[in-house]
């Protein structure tokens, strides 16, 4: 009886997981399928699930589009610089909150966490006015420079918790050997939090790569458009016939770096989750 009950539970679990996988994969399937359809198939009143004659015409066309290639380069450029600065500053601040005793540390940490309660929409106008006074509108500076000041309280909290689990005796031994805080941070602490660091880097990359609103506000010329902004311009609201194959092709090519990053980072993400679960 117990065996049958266990098999029934396993069957139900597999059915639910399979259904969830199919449901979650459907947008990706639809995106790829639509990118291989003809213009007539994508704009037909009926639903065409699989193209009758798959064509690579949209892929060839978009790779010949200089605006798309420029947008791809802009995204890689700004995300690389913003990610590097944000990750280093977050790691440094997390170290200061977790490994160094200084007056008012807990109060400052509490105030930093309190910033998570502020809705991002409330900061749009003051940030725009501030960056406008700095004459940064129309440049990548508003997208890159703020990250160098440890933006992202949630990521700091995550990394700080991971660093706090490292025994303080390692720091004391390093001090005895003549190391300073920078050496301890770089050579001891960061290698020990490699998995949480990779997890934070993945989350930051996804957020930066998919960001639409901020680039749309500050990058006001076609030459500076990033991929999400470029893809949004492909939809013509005044036209009844949309270039869905081109739009979906651009979306597929925008998604590829995210899939690659998740492929290489999944081991670290799982390791980070497992370690957090065991510690909890």
Protein backbone atom coordinates (compact mmCIF):
# COMPACT_ATOMS: atom_id res chain seq x y z
CA UNK A 1 0.00 0.00 0.00
CA UNK A 2 2.81 2.38 0.95
CA UNK A 3 4.59 1.53 -2.29
CA UNK A 4 1.52 2.39 -4.37
CA UNK A 5 1.06 5.63 -2.44
CA UNK A 6 4.70 6.56 -3.00
CA UNK A 7 4.42 5.79 -6.74
CA UNK A 8 1.25 7.87 -6.98
CA UNK A 9 2.94 10.83 -5.28
CA UNK A 10 5.96 10.52 -7.58
CA UNK A 11 3.71 10.35 -10.65
CA UNK A 12 1.75 13.43 -9.59
CA UNK A 13 5.01 15.26 -8.85
CA UNK A 14 6.47 14.41 -12.27
CA UNK A 15 3.25 15.42 -14.03
CA UNK A 16 3.22 18.76 -12.21
CA UNK A 17 6.92 19.38 -12.92
CA UNK A 18 6.48 18.46 -16.59
CA UNK A 19 3.50 20.77 -16.87
CA UNK A 20 5.39 23.60 -15.19
CA UNK A 21 8.39 23.05 -17.49
CA UNK A 22 6.20 23.13 -20.60
CA UNK A 23 4.41 26.24 -19.35
CA UNK A 24 7.64 28.07 -18.53
CA UNK A 25 9.27 27.05 -21.82
CA UNK A 26 6.35 28.13 -23.97
CA UNK A 27 7.39 31.82 -24.37
CA UNK A 28 10.84 30.72 -25.52
CA UNK A 29 9.30 28.21 -27.96
CA UNK A 30 6.90 30.82 -29.32
CA UNK A 31 9.70 33.36 -29.71
CA UNK A 32 11.95 30.98 -31.64
CA UNK A 33 9.06 29.62 -33.71
CA UNK A 34 7.89 33.12 -34.67
CA UNK A 35 11.40 34.17 -35.65
CA UNK A 36 11.42 31.37 -38.25
CA UNK A 37 7.99 32.15 -39.71
CA UNK A 38 7.16 34.27 -42.70
CA UNK A 39 5.57 37.69 -42.34
CA UNK A 40 2.25 36.29 -43.58
CA UNK A 41 2.25 33.49 -41.00
CA UNK A 42 2.95 35.82 -38.06
CA UNK A 43 0.23 38.27 -39.08
CA UNK A 44 -2.39 35.71 -40.07
CA UNK A 45 -5.60 35.64 -37.98
CA UNK A 46 -5.13 31.97 -37.09
CA UNK A 47 -2.42 30.63 -34.81
CA UNK A 48 0.52 29.01 -36.59
CA UNK A 49 2.38 27.03 -33.95
CA UNK A 50 5.16 25.71 -36.18
CA UNK A 51 6.23 27.42 -39.43
CA UNK A 52 5.38 25.45 -42.56
CA UNK A 53 8.62 26.44 -44.26
CA UNK A 54 11.10 27.73 -41.65
CA UNK A 55 13.12 30.62 -43.00
CA UNK A 56 16.28 32.33 -41.73
CA UNK A 57 15.43 35.49 -43.62
CA UNK A 58 14.81 37.52 -40.44
CA UNK A 59 18.16 36.43 -38.97
CA UNK A 60 20.03 37.36 -42.14
CA UNK A 61 18.24 40.69 -42.31
CA UNK A 62 18.89 41.68 -38.72
CA UNK A 63 22.59 40.86 -38.91
CA UNK A 64 22.78 43.24 -41.88
CA UNK A 65 21.15 45.97 -39.80
CA UNK A 66 23.83 48.32 -38.46
CA UNK A 67 21.51 49.67 -35.74
CA UNK A 68 21.05 46.19 -34.30
CA UNK A 69 24.79 45.46 -34.28
CA UNK A 70 25.47 48.84 -32.69
CA UNK A 71 22.82 48.19 -30.04
CA UNK A 72 24.40 44.82 -29.29
CA UNK A 73 27.81 46.42 -28.88
CA UNK A 74 26.33 49.18 -26.68
CA UNK A 75 24.69 46.60 -24.41
CA UNK A 76 27.90 44.58 -24.05
CA UNK A 77 29.90 47.76 -23.41
CA UNK A 78 27.69 49.28 -20.76
CA UNK A 79 26.75 46.02 -19.01
CA UNK A 80 30.42 44.97 -18.75
CA UNK A 81 31.51 48.25 -17.16
CA UNK A 82 28.45 48.56 -14.92
CA UNK A 83 28.65 44.93 -13.79
CA UNK A 84 32.36 45.14 -12.97
CA UNK A 85 31.99 48.33 -10.94
CA UNK A 86 28.84 47.23 -9.17
CA UNK A 87 30.22 43.81 -8.25
CA UNK A 88 33.51 45.17 -6.86
CA UNK A 89 31.82 47.92 -4.87
CA UNK A 90 29.16 45.56 -3.48
CA UNK A 91 31.85 43.08 -2.44
CA UNK A 92 33.85 45.84 -0.72
CA UNK A 93 30.83 47.21 1.14
CA UNK A 94 29.73 43.72 2.16
CA UNK A 95 33.21 43.10 3.58
CA UNK A 96 33.04 46.35 5.56
CA UNK A 97 29.65 45.38 7.01
CA UNK A 98 30.62 41.81 7.85
CA UNK A 99 34.32 41.75 8.76
CA UNK A 100 35.24 45.18 10.14
CA UNK A 101 34.06 46.56 13.47
CA UNK A 102 33.39 50.30 13.24
CA UNK A 103 31.15 52.71 15.19
CA UNK A 104 27.57 52.88 13.93
CA UNK A 105 27.96 49.89 11.63
CA UNK A 106 24.62 48.32 12.51
CA UNK A 107 22.79 51.65 12.22
CA UNK A 108 24.26 52.33 8.77
CA UNK A 109 23.44 48.76 7.73
CA UNK A 110 19.86 49.23 8.88
CA UNK A 111 19.59 52.52 6.98
CA UNK A 112 20.97 50.85 3.87
CA UNK A 113 18.39 48.06 4.12
CA UNK A 114 15.70 50.70 4.58
CA UNK A 115 16.43 51.98 1.07
CA UNK A 116 14.85 48.76 -0.24
CA UNK A 117 11.49 50.16 0.89
CA UNK A 118 11.76 53.14 -1.46
CA UNK A 119 9.95 52.45 -4.76
CA UNK A 120 12.27 52.99 -7.74
CA UNK A 121 9.61 55.17 -9.41
CA UNK A 122 10.02 57.74 -6.60
CA UNK A 123 13.66 58.26 -7.60
CA UNK A 124 13.16 58.77 -11.33
CA UNK A 125 12.63 62.54 -11.30
CA UNK A 126 15.32 63.53 -8.74
CA UNK A 127 17.84 61.24 -10.42
CA UNK A 128 17.06 62.70 -13.83
CA UNK A 129 17.43 66.27 -12.51
CA UNK A 130 20.69 65.35 -10.80
CA UNK A 131 22.19 63.72 -13.87
CA UNK A 132 20.97 66.58 -16.04
CA UNK A 133 22.88 69.05 -13.85
CA UNK A 134 25.96 66.89 -14.34
CA UNK A 135 25.31 67.02 -18.12
CA UNK A 136 25.24 63.23 -18.25
CA UNK A 137 22.02 62.98 -20.30
CA UNK A 138 22.76 61.37 -23.64
CA UNK A 139 25.75 59.44 -22.29
CA UNK A 140 26.30 56.06 -20.65
CA UNK A 141 27.38 57.67 -17.37
CA UNK A 142 23.96 57.44 -15.62
CA UNK A 143 23.90 53.72 -16.41
CA UNK A 144 27.46 52.92 -15.36
CA UNK A 145 28.74 55.32 -12.70
CA UNK A 146 26.04 54.77 -9.99
CA UNK A 147 26.98 51.11 -9.82
CA UNK A 148 30.47 52.07 -8.62
CA UNK A 149 28.84 53.38 -5.42
CA UNK A 150 27.46 49.97 -4.39
CA UNK A 151 23.93 50.20 -5.71
CA UNK A 152 21.68 47.35 -4.65
CA UNK A 153 20.96 46.84 -0.95
CA UNK A 154 19.55 43.35 -1.55
CA UNK A 155 22.76 42.16 -3.20
CA UNK A 156 24.86 43.68 -0.39
CA UNK A 157 22.69 41.89 2.17
CA UNK A 158 23.09 38.56 0.36
CA UNK A 159 26.86 38.87 0.10
CA UNK A 160 27.25 40.23 3.60
CA UNK A 161 25.46 37.19 5.03
CA UNK A 162 27.81 34.87 3.12
CA UNK A 163 30.92 36.73 4.33
CA UNK A 164 29.69 36.80 7.92
CA UNK A 165 29.72 32.97 7.97
CA UNK A 166 33.49 32.85 7.45
CA UNK A 167 35.37 32.34 10.75
CA UNK A 168 37.00 35.53 12.05
CA UNK A 169 40.08 33.49 13.01
CA UNK A 170 41.15 33.59 9.37
CA UNK A 171 41.33 37.39 9.52
CA UNK A 172 43.27 37.31 12.79
CA UNK A 173 45.79 34.83 11.38
CA UNK A 174 46.22 36.98 8.29
CA UNK A 175 46.78 40.10 10.41
CA UNK A 176 49.48 38.27 12.37
CA UNK A 177 51.18 37.48 9.04
CA UNK A 178 51.14 41.17 8.16
CA UNK A 179 48.16 41.29 5.78
CA UNK A 180 45.87 44.31 5.62
CA UNK A 181 42.12 44.48 4.99
CA UNK A 182 42.48 44.81 1.21
CA UNK A 183 44.65 41.69 1.04
CA UNK A 184 42.29 39.75 3.31
CA UNK A 185 39.30 40.87 1.25
CA UNK A 186 40.84 39.97 -2.09
CA UNK A 187 42.94 36.89 -1.27
CA UNK A 188 40.93 35.18 1.50
CA UNK A 189 37.33 36.32 1.71
CA UNK A 190 36.38 36.64 -1.97
CA UNK A 191 37.61 33.13 -2.95
CA UNK A 192 35.57 31.69 -0.07
CA UNK A 193 32.35 33.37 -1.23
CA UNK A 194 32.82 32.46 -4.88
CA UNK A 195 29.39 30.84 -5.22
CA UNK A 196 27.37 33.73 -3.66
CA UNK A 197 29.50 36.18 -5.65
CA UNK A 198 28.68 34.35 -8.90
CA UNK A 199 25.00 34.32 -7.92
CA UNK A 200 25.02 38.06 -7.28
CA UNK A 201 26.88 38.64 -10.57
CA UNK A 202 24.25 36.60 -12.43
CA UNK A 203 21.36 38.55 -10.89
CA UNK A 204 23.07 41.84 -11.66
CA UNK A 205 23.80 40.78 -15.23
CA UNK A 206 20.19 39.81 -15.87
CA UNK A 207 18.94 43.09 -14.40
CA UNK A 208 21.37 45.23 -16.38
CA UNK A 209 20.99 43.32 -19.67
CA UNK A 210 17.18 43.45 -19.59
CA UNK A 211 16.94 47.02 -18.31
CA UNK A 212 14.67 49.13 -20.52
CA UNK A 213 13.41 52.14 -18.57
CA UNK A 214 16.75 53.62 -17.48
CA UNK A 215 18.46 53.37 -20.90
CA UNK A 216 15.29 54.69 -22.51
CA UNK A 217 15.41 57.79 -20.28
CA UNK A 218 19.08 58.66 -20.64
CA UNK A 219 20.14 57.32 -24.05
CA UNK A 220 18.25 59.62 -26.33
CA UNK A 221 19.94 58.95 -29.67
CA UNK A 222 19.79 55.87 -31.88
CA UNK A 223 23.58 55.53 -31.79
CA UNK A 224 23.46 54.88 -28.02
CA UNK A 225 20.46 52.55 -27.89
CA UNK A 226 20.90 49.29 -26.03
CA UNK A 227 19.24 46.05 -27.13
CA UNK A 228 15.99 46.32 -25.10
CA UNK A 229 15.50 49.88 -26.33
CA UNK A 230 16.24 48.87 -29.92
CA UNK A 231 13.82 45.94 -29.76
CA UNK A 232 11.10 48.22 -28.40
CA UNK A 233 11.51 50.53 -31.41
CA UNK A 234 10.82 47.68 -33.84
CA UNK A 235 7.14 47.66 -32.89
CA UNK A 236 5.29 50.21 -35.02
CA UNK A 237 2.12 51.24 -33.20
CA UNK A 238 0.75 52.98 -36.29
CA UNK A 239 1.00 49.90 -38.50
CA UNK A 240 -1.47 47.02 -38.69
CA UNK A 241 1.20 44.69 -40.01
CA UNK A 242 4.01 44.20 -37.53
CA UNK A 243 7.42 42.82 -38.43
CA UNK A 244 7.06 39.97 -35.95
CA UNK A 245 9.80 37.75 -37.45
CA UNK A 246 12.31 40.59 -37.07
CA UNK A 247 11.07 41.49 -33.58
CA UNK A 248 11.20 37.88 -32.41
CA UNK A 249 14.61 37.35 -33.99
CA UNK A 250 15.96 40.36 -32.11
CA UNK A 251 14.38 39.00 -28.91
CA UNK A 252 15.95 35.57 -29.46
CA UNK A 253 19.41 37.07 -30.02
CA UNK A 254 18.93 39.26 -26.94
CA UNK A 255 18.12 36.18 -24.87
CA UNK A 256 21.16 34.15 -25.98
CA UNK A 257 23.68 35.83 -23.59
CA UNK A 258 21.29 35.25 -20.68
CA UNK A 259 21.06 31.54 -21.48
CA UNK A 260 24.85 31.29 -21.79
CA UNK A 261 25.40 33.04 -18.45
CA UNK A 262 22.85 30.80 -16.70
CA UNK A 263 24.45 27.73 -18.27
CA UNK A 264 27.86 28.52 -16.80
CA UNK A 265 26.59 30.01 -13.51
CA UNK A 266 23.96 27.40 -12.60
CA UNK A 267 26.47 25.32 -10.62
CA UNK A 268 27.40 28.30 -8.46
CA UNK A 269 23.76 29.32 -8.02
CA UNK A 270 22.75 25.82 -6.88
CA UNK A 271 25.79 25.65 -4.60
CA UNK A 272 24.88 29.00 -3.09
CA UNK A 273 21.28 27.92 -2.49
CA UNK A 274 22.35 24.59 -0.95
CA UNK A 275 24.90 26.24 1.36
CA UNK A 276 22.35 28.88 2.41
CA UNK A 277 19.80 26.16 3.10
CA UNK A 278 22.22 24.11 5.18
CA UNK A 279 23.34 27.12 7.17
CA UNK A 280 19.75 28.18 7.71
